[in-house]
């Protein structure tokens, strides 16, 4: 899995843990909805500022993001039919 996909899956993991929609997070973070979806798919490379804005909109700390990255890299999460990740 490439780095962009790892980041995207980690963001999706945090978002779905909190039962937030993509629209809610993109609106709260000020990130264009299409761009936000591309980030979650791993098709875009967000700047550190955008990543911070997204994590703030989700209500996640950098430590939680690091843990989500670790979960994705270890392969503990699987993609469900709905496209979300679960442990």
C-alpha atoms as a PDB file:
ATOM      1  CA  UNK A   1       0.000   0.000   0.000  1.00  0.00           C
ATOM      2  CA  UNK A   2       1.462   3.385  -0.912  1.00  0.00           C
ATOM      3  CA  UNK A   3       1.845   6.271   1.521  1.00  0.00           C
ATOM      4  CA  UNK A   4      -1.100   8.295   0.167  1.00  0.00           C
ATOM      5  CA  UNK A   5      -3.423   5.316   0.586  1.00  0.00           C
ATOM      6  CA  UNK A   6      -2.161   4.681   4.115  1.00  0.00           C
ATOM      7  CA  UNK A   7      -2.869   8.301   5.069  1.00  0.00           C
ATOM      8  CA  UNK A   8      -6.290   8.191   3.421  1.00  0.00           C
ATOM      9  CA  UNK A   9      -7.272   4.942   5.123  1.00  0.00           C
ATOM     10  CA  UNK A  10      -6.121   6.294   8.498  1.00  0.00           C
ATOM     11  CA  UNK A  11      -8.247   9.426   8.054  1.00  0.00           C
ATOM     12  CA  UNK A  12     -11.241   7.311   7.042  1.00  0.00           C
ATOM     13  CA  UNK A  13     -10.687   5.072  10.074  1.00  0.00           C
ATOM     14  CA  UNK A  14     -10.771   8.066  12.442  1.00  0.00           C
ATOM     15  CA  UNK A  15     -13.790   9.595  10.706  1.00  0.00           C
ATOM     16  CA  UNK A  16     -15.865   6.418  10.766  1.00  0.00           C
ATOM     17  CA  UNK A  17     -14.958   5.756  14.412  1.00  0.00           C
ATOM     18  CA  UNK A  18     -16.682   9.033  15.192  1.00  0.00           C
ATOM     19  CA  UNK A  19     -19.633   8.362  12.857  1.00  0.00           C
ATOM     20  CA  UNK A  20     -18.943  11.498  10.821  1.00  0.00           C
ATOM     21  CA  UNK A  21     -19.805  11.843   7.151  1.00  0.00           C
ATOM     22  CA  UNK A  22     -17.339  12.947   4.504  1.00  0.00           C
ATOM     23  CA  UNK A  23     -19.491  16.030   3.926  1.00  0.00           C
ATOM     24  CA  UNK A  24     -19.347  16.971   7.605  1.00  0.00           C
ATOM     25  CA  UNK A  25     -15.563  16.652   7.788  1.00  0.00           C
ATOM     26  CA  UNK A  26     -14.946  18.450   4.505  1.00  0.00           C
ATOM     27  CA  UNK A  27     -17.259  21.298   5.532  1.00  0.00           C
ATOM     28  CA  UNK A  28     -15.761  21.640   9.022  1.00  0.00           C
ATOM     29  CA  UNK A  29     -12.214  21.528   7.694  1.00  0.00           C
ATOM     30  CA  UNK A  30     -12.789  23.903   4.798  1.00  0.00           C
ATOM     31  CA  UNK A  31     -11.523  21.295   2.336  1.00  0.00           C
ATOM     32  CA  UNK A  32     -13.368  20.921  -0.959  1.00  0.00           C
ATOM     33  CA  UNK A  33     -15.541  17.799  -0.776  1.00  0.00           C
ATOM     34  CA  UNK A  34     -14.146  16.236  -3.963  1.00  0.00           C
ATOM     35  CA  UNK A  35     -10.586  16.845  -2.777  1.00  0.00           C
ATOM     36  CA  UNK A  36     -11.413  15.388   0.645  1.00  0.00           C
ATOM     37  CA  UNK A  37     -12.783  12.226  -1.001  1.00  0.00           C
ATOM     38  CA  UNK A  38      -9.615  11.977  -3.092  1.00  0.00           C
ATOM     39  CA  UNK A  39      -7.524  12.207   0.087  1.00  0.00           C
ATOM     40  CA  UNK A  40      -9.477   9.349   1.700  1.00  0.00           C
ATOM     41  CA  UNK A  41      -9.059   7.234  -1.455  1.00  0.00           C
ATOM     42  CA  UNK A  42      -5.330   7.913  -1.446  1.00  0.00           C
ATOM     43  CA  UNK A  43      -5.491   9.796  -4.730  1.00  0.00           C
ATOM     44  CA  UNK A  44      -4.315  13.123  -3.282  1.00  0.00           C
ATOM     45  CA  UNK A  45      -1.461  14.303  -1.097  1.00  0.00           C
ATOM     46  CA  UNK A  46      -2.714  16.812   1.485  1.00  0.00           C
ATOM     47  CA  UNK A  47      -0.409  19.475   2.845  1.00  0.00           C
ATOM     48  CA  UNK A  48       0.436  19.370   6.537  1.00  0.00           C
ATOM     49  CA  UNK A  49      -1.960  22.309   7.043  1.00  0.00           C
ATOM     50  CA  UNK A  50      -4.831  20.480   5.293  1.00  0.00           C
ATOM     51  CA  UNK A  51      -4.085  17.329   7.274  1.00  0.00           C
ATOM     52  CA  UNK A  52      -4.177  19.342  10.505  1.00  0.00           C
ATOM     53  CA  UNK A  53      -7.480  20.974   9.463  1.00  0.00           C
ATOM     54  CA  UNK A  54      -8.983  17.564   8.682  1.00  0.00           C
ATOM     55  CA  UNK A  55      -7.829  16.027  11.965  1.00  0.00           C
ATOM     56  CA  UNK A  56      -9.224  19.033  13.848  1.00  0.00           C
ATOM     57  CA  UNK A  57     -12.560  18.655  12.046  1.00  0.00           C
ATOM     58  CA  UNK A  58     -12.652  14.980  12.992  1.00  0.00           C
ATOM     59  CA  UNK A  59     -11.667  15.777  16.571  1.00  0.00           C
ATOM     60  CA  UNK A  60      -8.555  13.613  16.432  1.00  0.00           C
ATOM     61  CA  UNK A  61      -5.180  14.307  17.970  1.00  0.00           C
ATOM     62  CA  UNK A  62      -1.864  13.736  16.200  1.00  0.00           C
ATOM     63  CA  UNK A  63      -1.314  10.771  18.550  1.00  0.00           C
ATOM     64  CA  UNK A  64      -4.630   9.239  17.444  1.00  0.00           C
ATOM     65  CA  UNK A  65      -3.644   9.790  13.814  1.00  0.00           C
ATOM     66  CA  UNK A  66      -0.307   8.053  14.447  1.00  0.00           C
ATOM     67  CA  UNK A  67      -2.155   5.113  16.011  1.00  0.00           C
ATOM     68  CA  UNK A  68      -4.553   4.969  13.041  1.00  0.00           C
ATOM     69  CA  UNK A  69      -1.560   4.935  10.682  1.00  0.00           C
ATOM     70  CA  UNK A  70      -0.106   2.066  12.685  1.00  0.00           C
ATOM     71  CA  UNK A  71      -3.387   0.132  12.517  1.00  0.00           C
ATOM     72  CA  UNK A  72      -3.566   0.552   8.735  1.00  0.00           C
ATOM     73  CA  UNK A  73       0.077  -0.412   8.216  1.00  0.00           C
ATOM     74  CA  UNK A  74      -0.272  -3.507  10.409  1.00  0.00           C
ATOM     75  CA  UNK A  75      -3.295  -4.482   8.357  1.00  0.00           C
ATOM     76  CA  UNK A  76      -5.534  -4.692  11.398  1.00  0.00           C
ATOM     77  CA  UNK A  77      -8.252  -2.735   9.599  1.00  0.00           C
ATOM     78  CA  UNK A  78     -10.238  -4.183   6.763  1.00  0.00           C
ATOM     79  CA  UNK A  79     -12.401  -2.336   4.301  1.00  0.00           C
ATOM     80  CA  UNK A  80     -16.106  -3.040   4.668  1.00  0.00           C
ATOM     81  CA  UNK A  81     -18.593  -3.088   1.810  1.00  0.00           C
ATOM     82  CA  UNK A  82     -19.514   0.485   2.744  1.00  0.00           C
ATOM     83  CA  UNK A  83     -15.887   1.519   2.245  1.00  0.00           C
ATOM     84  CA  UNK A  84     -15.145   2.197   5.903  1.00  0.00           C
ATOM     85  CA  UNK A  85     -12.459   0.529   7.965  1.00  0.00           C
ATOM     86  CA  UNK A  86     -13.004  -1.609  11.015  1.00  0.00           C
ATOM     87  CA  UNK A  87     -10.652  -3.286  13.431  1.00  0.00           C
END
